[in-house]
N, C-alpha and C. Protein backbone atom coordinates (compact mmCIF):
# COMPACT_ATOMS: atom_id res chain seq x y z
N UNK A 1 307.97 167.11 -95.82
CA UNK A 1 307.04 166.02 -96.05
C UNK A 1 307.45 165.30 -97.33
N UNK A 2 307.48 163.99 -97.28
CA UNK A 2 307.88 163.24 -98.46
C UNK A 2 306.78 163.30 -99.53
N UNK A 3 307.14 163.07 -100.81
CA UNK A 3 306.17 163.19 -101.90
C UNK A 3 304.94 162.30 -101.73
N UNK A 4 305.12 161.11 -101.19
CA UNK A 4 303.98 160.21 -101.01
C UNK A 4 302.99 160.78 -100.00
N UNK A 5 303.50 161.34 -98.91
CA UNK A 5 302.63 161.95 -97.90
C UNK A 5 301.91 163.17 -98.45
N UNK A 6 302.63 163.97 -99.23
CA UNK A 6 302.03 165.16 -99.84
C UNK A 6 300.90 164.76 -100.78
N UNK A 7 301.16 163.78 -101.61
CA UNK A 7 300.14 163.30 -102.54
C UNK A 7 298.93 162.75 -101.79
N UNK A 8 299.17 161.98 -100.75
CA UNK A 8 298.07 161.40 -99.97
C UNK A 8 297.25 162.50 -99.31
N UNK A 9 297.90 163.54 -98.81
CA UNK A 9 297.15 164.61 -98.16
C UNK A 9 296.30 165.38 -99.16
N UNK A 10 296.81 165.58 -100.37
CA UNK A 10 296.03 166.26 -101.40
C UNK A 10 294.85 165.40 -101.82
N UNK A 11 295.06 164.11 -101.96
CA UNK A 11 293.98 163.20 -102.33
C UNK A 11 292.88 163.25 -101.26
N UNK A 12 293.27 163.32 -99.99
CA UNK A 12 292.29 163.40 -98.91
C UNK A 12 291.50 164.71 -98.99
N UNK A 13 292.18 165.81 -99.28
CA UNK A 13 291.51 167.10 -99.42
C UNK A 13 290.56 167.08 -100.61
N UNK A 14 291.01 166.52 -101.72
CA UNK A 14 290.18 166.44 -102.92
C UNK A 14 288.94 165.59 -102.65
N UNK A 15 289.11 164.49 -101.94
CA UNK A 15 287.99 163.61 -101.62
C UNK A 15 286.96 164.35 -100.76
N UNK A 16 287.42 165.10 -99.79
CA UNK A 16 286.51 165.88 -98.94
C UNK A 16 285.79 166.95 -99.76
N UNK A 17 286.53 167.62 -100.63
CA UNK A 17 285.92 168.65 -101.48
C UNK A 17 284.89 168.04 -102.43
N UNK A 18 285.19 166.86 -102.95
CA UNK A 18 284.24 166.17 -103.82
C UNK A 18 282.93 165.87 -103.10
N UNK A 19 283.02 165.41 -101.87
CA UNK A 19 281.81 165.11 -101.10
C UNK A 19 281.00 166.37 -100.85
N UNK A 20 281.66 167.45 -100.49
CA UNK A 20 280.96 168.72 -100.28
C UNK A 20 280.28 169.19 -101.56
N UNK A 21 281.02 169.13 -102.67
CA UNK A 21 280.47 169.56 -103.96
C UNK A 21 279.26 168.73 -104.34
N UNK A 22 279.31 167.44 -104.06
CA UNK A 22 278.18 166.55 -104.37
C UNK A 22 276.95 166.95 -103.56
N UNK A 23 277.13 167.18 -102.28
CA UNK A 23 276.01 167.55 -101.42
C UNK A 23 275.41 168.88 -101.84
N UNK A 24 276.28 169.86 -102.08
CA UNK A 24 275.80 171.19 -102.50
C UNK A 24 275.04 171.07 -103.81
N UNK A 25 275.58 170.34 -104.75
CA UNK A 25 274.95 170.19 -106.06
C UNK A 25 273.58 169.54 -105.92
N UNK A 26 273.48 168.49 -105.11
CA UNK A 26 272.20 167.81 -104.93
C UNK A 26 271.14 168.76 -104.39
N UNK A 27 271.51 169.54 -103.40
CA UNK A 27 270.55 170.47 -102.79
C UNK A 27 270.18 171.58 -103.76
N UNK A 28 271.18 172.18 -104.37
CA UNK A 28 270.94 173.30 -105.29
C UNK A 28 270.12 172.84 -106.50
N UNK A 29 270.44 171.69 -107.05
CA UNK A 29 269.71 171.19 -108.21
C UNK A 29 268.29 170.75 -107.84
N UNK A 30 268.06 170.51 -106.56
CA UNK A 30 266.73 170.14 -106.10
C UNK A 30 265.80 171.33 -105.94
N UNK A 31 266.35 172.53 -106.03
CA UNK A 31 265.53 173.74 -105.91
C UNK A 31 264.97 174.05 -107.29
N UNK A 32 263.70 173.77 -107.46
CA UNK A 32 263.02 173.99 -108.74
C UNK A 32 262.38 175.38 -108.73
N UNK A 33 262.30 175.97 -109.91
CA UNK A 33 261.66 177.28 -110.08
C UNK A 33 262.32 178.36 -109.22
N UNK A 34 263.59 178.19 -108.94
CA UNK A 34 264.32 179.19 -108.18
C UNK A 34 264.97 180.21 -109.10
N UNK A 35 265.66 181.17 -108.53
CA UNK A 35 266.35 182.18 -109.35
C UNK A 35 267.43 181.54 -110.22
N UNK A 36 267.78 182.21 -111.28
CA UNK A 36 268.76 181.73 -112.25
C UNK A 36 270.11 181.46 -111.60
N UNK A 37 270.52 182.31 -110.67
CA UNK A 37 271.85 182.14 -110.08
C UNK A 37 271.96 180.85 -109.27
N UNK A 38 270.84 180.32 -108.80
CA UNK A 38 270.89 179.04 -108.09
C UNK A 38 271.13 177.90 -109.08
N UNK A 39 270.45 177.95 -110.22
CA UNK A 39 270.68 176.93 -111.26
C UNK A 39 272.11 177.01 -111.78
N UNK A 40 272.63 178.23 -111.92
CA UNK A 40 274.01 178.41 -112.38
C UNK A 40 275.00 177.83 -111.39
N UNK A 41 274.72 177.98 -110.11
CA UNK A 41 275.59 177.40 -109.08
C UNK A 41 275.58 175.88 -109.19
N UNK A 42 274.42 175.30 -109.48
CA UNK A 42 274.35 173.85 -109.69
C UNK A 42 275.24 173.39 -110.83
N UNK A 43 275.24 174.15 -111.91
CA UNK A 43 276.10 173.84 -113.06
C UNK A 43 277.58 173.96 -112.69
N UNK A 44 277.90 175.02 -111.95
CA UNK A 44 279.30 175.21 -111.54
C UNK A 44 279.74 174.10 -110.58
N UNK A 45 278.83 173.63 -109.75
CA UNK A 45 279.17 172.54 -108.83
C UNK A 45 279.45 171.26 -109.63
N UNK A 46 278.71 171.04 -110.70
CA UNK A 46 278.99 169.89 -111.57
C UNK A 46 280.36 170.03 -112.20
N UNK A 47 280.68 171.25 -112.65
CA UNK A 47 281.98 171.50 -113.28
C UNK A 47 283.13 171.28 -112.29
N UNK A 48 282.99 171.80 -111.06
CA UNK A 48 284.07 171.63 -110.09
C UNK A 48 284.20 170.16 -109.70
N UNK A 49 283.09 169.45 -109.62
CA UNK A 49 283.16 168.01 -109.33
C UNK A 49 283.94 167.27 -110.41
N UNK A 50 283.67 167.60 -111.66
CA UNK A 50 284.39 166.95 -112.76
C UNK A 50 285.89 167.25 -112.68
N UNK A 51 286.23 168.49 -112.38
CA UNK A 51 287.64 168.88 -112.26
C UNK A 51 288.30 168.19 -111.07
N UNK A 52 287.58 168.11 -109.96
CA UNK A 52 288.12 167.44 -108.78
C UNK A 52 288.33 165.95 -109.04
N UNK A 53 287.42 165.33 -109.77
CA UNK A 53 287.59 163.91 -110.12
C UNK A 53 288.84 163.73 -110.98
N UNK A 54 289.03 164.65 -111.93
CA UNK A 54 290.24 164.59 -112.77
C UNK A 54 291.48 164.76 -111.91
N UNK A 55 291.45 165.71 -111.00
CA UNK A 55 292.58 165.96 -110.12
C UNK A 55 292.87 164.74 -109.25
N UNK A 56 291.83 164.11 -108.76
CA UNK A 56 292.02 162.92 -107.93
C UNK A 56 292.66 161.79 -108.74
N UNK A 57 292.25 161.67 -109.99
CA UNK A 57 292.80 160.61 -110.85
C UNK A 57 294.28 160.83 -111.17
N UNK A 58 294.67 162.07 -111.38
CA UNK A 58 296.06 162.35 -111.74
C UNK A 58 296.91 162.70 -110.53
N UNK A 59 296.29 162.91 -109.38
CA UNK A 59 297.00 163.35 -108.19
C UNK A 59 298.10 162.43 -107.74
N UNK A 60 297.94 161.17 -108.00
CA UNK A 60 298.96 160.21 -107.58
C UNK A 60 300.21 160.28 -108.44
N UNK A 61 300.10 160.92 -109.60
CA UNK A 61 301.25 161.01 -110.50
C UNK A 61 301.97 162.35 -110.40
N UNK A 62 301.40 163.30 -109.67
CA UNK A 62 301.99 164.64 -109.59
C UNK A 62 302.95 164.72 -108.41
N UNK A 63 304.13 165.21 -108.69
CA UNK A 63 305.11 165.44 -107.62
C UNK A 63 305.86 166.73 -107.94
N UNK A 64 306.63 167.20 -107.01
CA UNK A 64 307.46 168.38 -107.24
C UNK A 64 306.95 169.60 -106.51
N UNK A 65 307.73 170.67 -106.57
CA UNK A 65 307.41 171.90 -105.86
C UNK A 65 306.16 172.60 -106.38
N UNK A 66 305.88 172.49 -107.70
CA UNK A 66 304.71 173.15 -108.25
C UNK A 66 303.42 172.55 -107.67
N UNK A 67 303.55 171.37 -107.08
CA UNK A 67 302.41 170.70 -106.46
C UNK A 67 301.96 171.44 -105.21
N UNK A 68 302.86 172.17 -104.56
CA UNK A 68 302.52 172.92 -103.34
C UNK A 68 301.45 173.97 -103.60
N UNK A 69 301.56 174.69 -104.73
CA UNK A 69 300.55 175.69 -105.08
C UNK A 69 299.19 175.04 -105.30
N UNK A 70 299.20 173.92 -105.98
CA UNK A 70 297.96 173.19 -106.23
C UNK A 70 297.36 172.71 -104.92
N UNK A 71 298.19 172.24 -104.03
CA UNK A 71 297.72 171.76 -102.73
C UNK A 71 297.07 172.91 -101.95
N UNK A 72 297.70 174.08 -101.95
CA UNK A 72 297.16 175.23 -101.23
C UNK A 72 295.81 175.65 -101.81
N UNK A 73 295.71 175.65 -103.12
CA UNK A 73 294.45 176.00 -103.77
C UNK A 73 293.36 175.00 -103.41
N UNK A 74 293.72 173.72 -103.43
CA UNK A 74 292.75 172.68 -103.10
C UNK A 74 292.28 172.81 -101.66
N UNK A 75 293.18 173.16 -100.75
CA UNK A 75 292.79 173.31 -99.35
C UNK A 75 291.80 174.46 -99.19
N UNK A 76 292.07 175.59 -99.86
CA UNK A 76 291.14 176.72 -99.80
C UNK A 76 289.79 176.35 -100.40
N UNK A 77 289.82 175.65 -101.53
CA UNK A 77 288.59 175.22 -102.19
C UNK A 77 287.78 174.30 -101.27
N UNK A 78 288.44 173.33 -100.68
CA UNK A 78 287.75 172.38 -99.79
C UNK A 78 287.16 173.11 -98.59
N UNK A 79 287.90 174.06 -98.03
CA UNK A 79 287.39 174.83 -96.89
C UNK A 79 286.16 175.64 -97.26
N UNK A 80 286.20 176.31 -98.42
CA UNK A 80 285.06 177.10 -98.86
C UNK A 80 283.84 176.22 -99.15
N UNK A 81 284.07 175.09 -99.80
CA UNK A 81 282.97 174.17 -100.08
C UNK A 81 282.36 173.63 -98.79
N UNK A 82 283.20 173.30 -97.83
CA UNK A 82 282.70 172.77 -96.54
C UNK A 82 281.88 173.83 -95.80
N UNK A 83 282.34 175.08 -95.84
CA UNK A 83 281.60 176.16 -95.18
C UNK A 83 280.23 176.34 -95.82
N UNK A 84 280.20 176.35 -97.14
CA UNK A 84 278.93 176.54 -97.84
C UNK A 84 278.03 175.32 -97.64
N UNK A 85 278.62 174.14 -97.60
CA UNK A 85 277.84 172.93 -97.38
C UNK A 85 277.15 173.00 -96.01
N UNK A 86 277.86 173.45 -94.99
CA UNK A 86 277.25 173.58 -93.65
C UNK A 86 276.06 174.53 -93.69
N UNK A 87 276.21 175.63 -94.41
CA UNK A 87 275.11 176.60 -94.51
C UNK A 87 273.92 176.00 -95.25
N UNK A 88 274.20 175.36 -96.36
CA UNK A 88 273.10 174.89 -97.21
C UNK A 88 272.42 173.65 -96.65
N UNK A 89 273.12 172.90 -95.81
CA UNK A 89 272.49 171.73 -95.19
C UNK A 89 271.33 172.14 -94.28
N UNK A 90 271.37 173.34 -93.78
CA UNK A 90 270.27 173.83 -92.97
C UNK A 90 268.98 173.90 -93.79
N UNK A 91 269.10 174.17 -95.07
CA UNK A 91 267.95 174.22 -95.96
C UNK A 91 267.44 172.81 -96.23
N UNK A 92 268.34 171.87 -96.37
CA UNK A 92 267.97 170.51 -96.71
C UNK A 92 267.12 169.86 -95.62
N UNK A 93 267.39 170.19 -94.40
CA UNK A 93 266.73 169.53 -93.29
C UNK A 93 265.39 170.19 -92.96
N UNK A 94 264.55 170.30 -93.98
CA UNK A 94 263.22 170.86 -93.81
C UNK A 94 262.22 169.75 -94.14
N UNK A 95 261.75 169.01 -93.14
CA UNK A 95 260.85 167.89 -93.42
C UNK A 95 259.52 168.36 -94.00
N UNK A 96 259.12 167.72 -95.09
CA UNK A 96 257.82 167.97 -95.68
C UNK A 96 257.70 169.21 -96.53
N UNK A 97 258.69 170.05 -96.58
CA UNK A 97 258.60 171.28 -97.38
C UNK A 97 259.23 171.04 -98.74
N UNK A 98 258.37 170.89 -99.74
CA UNK A 98 258.88 170.58 -101.07
C UNK A 98 258.64 171.72 -102.05
N UNK A 99 257.68 172.54 -101.81
CA UNK A 99 257.38 173.62 -102.75
C UNK A 99 258.35 174.78 -102.57
N UNK A 100 258.68 175.42 -103.68
CA UNK A 100 259.66 176.49 -103.67
C UNK A 100 259.24 177.63 -102.75
N UNK A 101 257.97 177.96 -102.71
CA UNK A 101 257.51 179.08 -101.87
C UNK A 101 257.84 178.83 -100.41
N UNK A 102 257.68 177.60 -99.95
CA UNK A 102 257.98 177.28 -98.56
C UNK A 102 259.49 177.21 -98.32
N UNK A 103 260.18 176.59 -99.25
CA UNK A 103 261.62 176.45 -99.11
C UNK A 103 262.29 177.82 -99.23
N UNK A 104 261.73 178.69 -100.06
CA UNK A 104 262.29 180.02 -100.26
C UNK A 104 262.38 180.78 -98.94
N UNK A 105 261.36 180.67 -98.10
CA UNK A 105 261.38 181.33 -96.79
C UNK A 105 262.53 180.79 -95.96
N UNK A 106 262.72 179.48 -95.99
CA UNK A 106 263.80 178.86 -95.23
C UNK A 106 265.16 179.30 -95.75
N UNK A 107 265.28 179.38 -97.08
CA UNK A 107 266.54 179.82 -97.69
C UNK A 107 266.84 181.26 -97.29
N UNK A 108 265.82 182.12 -97.35
CA UNK A 108 266.04 183.53 -96.99
C UNK A 108 266.47 183.67 -95.54
N UNK A 109 265.95 182.79 -94.68
CA UNK A 109 266.33 182.84 -93.27
C UNK A 109 267.75 182.33 -93.06
N UNK A 110 268.18 181.42 -93.92
CA UNK A 110 269.47 180.76 -93.76
C UNK A 110 270.56 181.38 -94.63
N UNK A 111 270.24 181.58 -95.89
CA UNK A 111 271.21 182.07 -96.87
C UNK A 111 270.67 183.28 -97.60
N UNK A 112 271.52 184.21 -97.88
CA UNK A 112 271.13 185.37 -98.66
C UNK A 112 271.50 185.12 -100.12
N UNK A 113 270.89 185.88 -101.00
CA UNK A 113 271.20 185.76 -102.42
C UNK A 113 272.69 185.94 -102.65
N UNK A 114 273.29 186.85 -101.89
CA UNK A 114 274.73 187.10 -102.03
C UNK A 114 275.56 185.86 -101.70
N UNK A 115 275.06 185.01 -100.80
CA UNK A 115 275.78 183.77 -100.47
C UNK A 115 275.89 182.88 -101.69
N UNK A 116 274.77 182.73 -102.43
CA UNK A 116 274.78 181.91 -103.64
C UNK A 116 275.67 182.53 -104.72
N UNK A 117 275.55 183.84 -104.89
CA UNK A 117 276.37 184.52 -105.90
C UNK A 117 277.85 184.44 -105.54
N UNK A 118 278.17 184.64 -104.28
CA UNK A 118 279.55 184.58 -103.82
C UNK A 118 280.13 183.18 -104.03
N UNK A 119 279.36 182.16 -103.67
CA UNK A 119 279.84 180.80 -103.85
C UNK A 119 280.04 180.49 -105.33
N UNK A 120 279.13 180.98 -106.17
CA UNK A 120 279.28 180.79 -107.62
C UNK A 120 280.56 181.42 -108.15
N UNK A 121 280.85 182.64 -107.66
CA UNK A 121 282.10 183.31 -108.10
C UNK A 121 283.32 182.55 -107.60
N UNK A 122 283.29 182.11 -106.35
CA UNK A 122 284.43 181.37 -105.79
C UNK A 122 284.67 180.08 -106.56
N UNK A 123 283.60 179.34 -106.83
CA UNK A 123 283.74 178.07 -107.55
C UNK A 123 284.29 178.32 -108.95
N UNK A 124 283.80 179.36 -109.62
CA UNK A 124 284.32 179.70 -110.95
C UNK A 124 285.81 180.01 -110.89
N UNK A 125 286.24 180.74 -109.84
CA UNK A 125 287.67 181.04 -109.67
C UNK A 125 288.46 179.76 -109.44
N UNK A 126 287.95 178.87 -108.61
CA UNK A 126 288.66 177.61 -108.36
C UNK A 126 288.76 176.78 -109.62
N UNK A 127 287.71 176.74 -110.40
CA UNK A 127 287.74 175.97 -111.65
C UNK A 127 288.86 176.50 -112.54
N UNK A 128 288.94 177.82 -112.67
CA UNK A 128 289.97 178.43 -113.51
C UNK A 128 291.36 178.20 -112.93
N UNK A 129 291.53 178.46 -111.65
CA UNK A 129 292.85 178.34 -111.01
C UNK A 129 293.36 176.91 -111.03
N UNK A 130 292.52 175.98 -110.66
CA UNK A 130 292.94 174.57 -110.63
C UNK A 130 293.25 174.09 -112.04
N UNK A 131 292.45 174.52 -113.01
CA UNK A 131 292.72 174.15 -114.40
C UNK A 131 294.09 174.63 -114.87
N UNK A 132 294.41 175.88 -114.55
CA UNK A 132 295.71 176.44 -114.93
C UNK A 132 296.84 175.71 -114.20
N UNK A 133 296.64 175.47 -112.89
CA UNK A 133 297.69 174.79 -112.14
C UNK A 133 297.91 173.36 -112.63
N UNK A 134 296.85 172.70 -113.05
CA UNK A 134 297.02 171.35 -113.60
C UNK A 134 297.82 171.41 -114.91
N UNK A 135 297.59 172.44 -115.71
CA UNK A 135 298.37 172.60 -116.94
C UNK A 135 299.84 172.85 -116.63
N UNK A 136 300.09 173.63 -115.59
CA UNK A 136 301.47 173.95 -115.21
C UNK A 136 302.23 172.70 -114.77
N UNK A 137 301.57 171.85 -113.98
CA UNK A 137 302.26 170.65 -113.49
C UNK A 137 302.33 169.56 -114.56
N UNK A 138 301.74 169.85 -115.72
CA UNK A 138 301.95 168.96 -116.85
C UNK A 138 301.01 167.78 -116.94
N UNK A 139 299.76 167.96 -116.52
CA UNK A 139 298.80 166.86 -116.65
C UNK A 139 297.91 167.08 -117.84
């Protein structure tokens, strides 16, 4: 694959991951009076969004073999964010339920506490890995 195609494919993956991160963050940050780990996931989603925006901005300037590792990481990140987004969208589509007590029942039926904790750990790993890979490629 030529460098331009590789760059374009990474930009597309980053754009998709950004949209997923935005949706997840909106839903998670909308959960008031929830457990601490949900608020922490909201913060991590903001952090990954900022990193993805940076990656998108510099992505057009990155070329070379070291870019392949970054591309693979971004694809895994985008896949994980999309999977979690699908799960969490089930919570969002609750008409008229605004209080935490009501939403909490829906969350328990849809997502387990471990899902939030797992996603938080994964996002933290992606933030670290992508940050290191960006340093390696010289941005």
